[in-house]
């Protein structure tokens, strides 16, 4: 089992998958059982890869929050 990242927007999910791919990281994508989309990355990423993935995910989460807030309005 690897690390799982949740998304609620397909475009943001795809951006994350493409980002991981550029770092040579394979990913698996599936729908969450309740809501959203899950991207799973493998365990054992090196420190550079993990830091890059964490930073990108944090950036995307900021965008995802803005999208959710604009949808509520």
C-alpha atoms as a PDB file:
ATOM      1  CA  UNK A   1       0.000   0.000   0.000  1.00  0.00           C
ATOM      2  CA  UNK A   2       1.295   3.442  -0.862  1.00  0.00           C
ATOM      3  CA  UNK A   3       0.403   7.011  -0.061  1.00  0.00           C
ATOM      4  CA  UNK A   4      -3.114   8.122  -1.006  1.00  0.00           C
ATOM      5  CA  UNK A   5      -4.093  11.630  -2.066  1.00  0.00           C
ATOM      6  CA  UNK A   6      -7.737  12.711  -2.425  1.00  0.00           C
ATOM      7  CA  UNK A   7      -9.074  15.125  -5.028  1.00  0.00           C
ATOM      8  CA  UNK A   8     -12.521  16.487  -5.823  1.00  0.00           C
ATOM      9  CA  UNK A   9     -11.705  17.908  -9.246  1.00  0.00           C
ATOM     10  CA  UNK A  10     -10.574  15.780 -12.194  1.00  0.00           C
ATOM     11  CA  UNK A  11      -8.372  18.492 -13.699  1.00  0.00           C
ATOM     12  CA  UNK A  12      -6.484  18.939 -10.425  1.00  0.00           C
ATOM     13  CA  UNK A  13      -6.152  15.175 -10.055  1.00  0.00           C
ATOM     14  CA  UNK A  14      -4.759  14.915 -13.575  1.00  0.00           C
ATOM     15  CA  UNK A  15      -2.312  17.731 -12.880  1.00  0.00           C
ATOM     16  CA  UNK A  16      -1.034  15.852  -9.813  1.00  0.00           C
ATOM     17  CA  UNK A  17      -0.684  12.584 -11.758  1.00  0.00           C
ATOM     18  CA  UNK A  18       1.240  14.396 -14.516  1.00  0.00           C
ATOM     19  CA  UNK A  19       3.458  16.059 -11.914  1.00  0.00           C
ATOM     20  CA  UNK A  20       4.272  12.692 -10.311  1.00  0.00           C
ATOM     21  CA  UNK A  21       4.982  11.199 -13.720  1.00  0.00           C
ATOM     22  CA  UNK A  22       7.529  13.933 -14.472  1.00  0.00           C
ATOM     23  CA  UNK A  23       9.368  12.820 -11.308  1.00  0.00           C
ATOM     24  CA  UNK A  24       9.300   9.200 -12.492  1.00  0.00           C
ATOM     25  CA  UNK A  25       6.629   8.201  -9.978  1.00  0.00           C
ATOM     26  CA  UNK A  26       3.986   5.727 -11.096  1.00  0.00           C
ATOM     27  CA  UNK A  27       0.458   6.289  -9.827  1.00  0.00           C
ATOM     28  CA  UNK A  28      -2.851   4.464  -9.628  1.00  0.00           C
ATOM     29  CA  UNK A  29      -6.142   6.353  -9.865  1.00  0.00           C
ATOM     30  CA  UNK A  30      -9.561   5.288  -8.609  1.00  0.00           C
ATOM     31  CA  UNK A  31     -12.846   6.762  -7.432  1.00  0.00           C
ATOM     32  CA  UNK A  32     -13.246   7.076  -3.690  1.00  0.00           C
ATOM     33  CA  UNK A  33     -15.996   4.876  -2.243  1.00  0.00           C
ATOM     34  CA  UNK A  34     -17.785   7.884  -0.752  1.00  0.00           C
ATOM     35  CA  UNK A  35     -16.791  10.929  -2.788  1.00  0.00           C
ATOM     36  CA  UNK A  36     -13.855  12.211  -4.769  1.00  0.00           C
ATOM     37  CA  UNK A  37     -10.940  10.726  -6.629  1.00  0.00           C
ATOM     38  CA  UNK A  38      -7.924   8.977  -5.125  1.00  0.00           C
ATOM     39  CA  UNK A  39      -4.375   8.919  -6.469  1.00  0.00           C
ATOM     40  CA  UNK A  40      -2.092   6.337  -4.915  1.00  0.00           C
ATOM     41  CA  UNK A  41       1.671   6.712  -5.105  1.00  0.00           C
ATOM     42  CA  UNK A  42       4.085   3.956  -4.075  1.00  0.00           C
ATOM     43  CA  UNK A  43       5.921   3.745  -0.771  1.00  0.00           C
ATOM     44  CA  UNK A  44       9.640   4.318  -0.762  1.00  0.00           C
ATOM     45  CA  UNK A  45       9.944   7.616  -2.588  1.00  0.00           C
ATOM     46  CA  UNK A  46      13.294   9.280  -2.074  1.00  0.00           C
ATOM     47  CA  UNK A  47      13.409  12.493  -0.035  1.00  0.00           C
ATOM     48  CA  UNK A  48      13.502  14.782  -3.089  1.00  0.00           C
ATOM     49  CA  UNK A  49      10.494  13.064  -4.658  1.00  0.00           C
ATOM     50  CA  UNK A  50       8.505  13.057  -1.409  1.00  0.00           C
ATOM     51  CA  UNK A  51       9.180  16.736  -0.725  1.00  0.00           C
ATOM     52  CA  UNK A  52       8.201  17.675  -4.287  1.00  0.00           C
ATOM     53  CA  UNK A  53       4.998  15.607  -4.109  1.00  0.00           C
ATOM     54  CA  UNK A  54       4.057  17.081  -0.725  1.00  0.00           C
ATOM     55  CA  UNK A  55       4.625  20.645  -1.948  1.00  0.00           C
ATOM     56  CA  UNK A  56       2.609  20.081  -5.123  1.00  0.00           C
ATOM     57  CA  UNK A  57      -0.255  18.443  -3.221  1.00  0.00           C
ATOM     58  CA  UNK A  58      -0.334  21.323  -0.731  1.00  0.00           C
ATOM     59  CA  UNK A  59      -0.486  23.803  -3.616  1.00  0.00           C
ATOM     60  CA  UNK A  60      -3.289  21.875  -5.288  1.00  0.00           C
ATOM     61  CA  UNK A  61      -5.203  21.643  -1.992  1.00  0.00           C
ATOM     62  CA  UNK A  62      -5.188  25.448  -1.859  1.00  0.00           C
ATOM     63  CA  UNK A  63      -6.713  25.571  -5.335  1.00  0.00           C
ATOM     64  CA  UNK A  64      -9.201  22.843  -4.432  1.00  0.00           C
ATOM     65  CA  UNK A  65     -10.337  24.894  -1.411  1.00  0.00           C
ATOM     66  CA  UNK A  66     -10.822  27.974  -3.579  1.00  0.00           C
ATOM     67  CA  UNK A  67     -12.864  25.947  -6.075  1.00  0.00           C
ATOM     68  CA  UNK A  68     -15.035  24.537  -3.291  1.00  0.00           C
ATOM     69  CA  UNK A  69     -15.632  28.000  -1.838  1.00  0.00           C
ATOM     70  CA  UNK A  70     -16.572  29.431  -5.234  1.00  0.00           C
ATOM     71  CA  UNK A  71     -18.995  26.531  -5.818  1.00  0.00           C
ATOM     72  CA  UNK A  72     -20.752  27.305  -2.522  1.00  0.00           C
ATOM     73  CA  UNK A  73     -21.353  30.892  -3.602  1.00  0.00           C
END
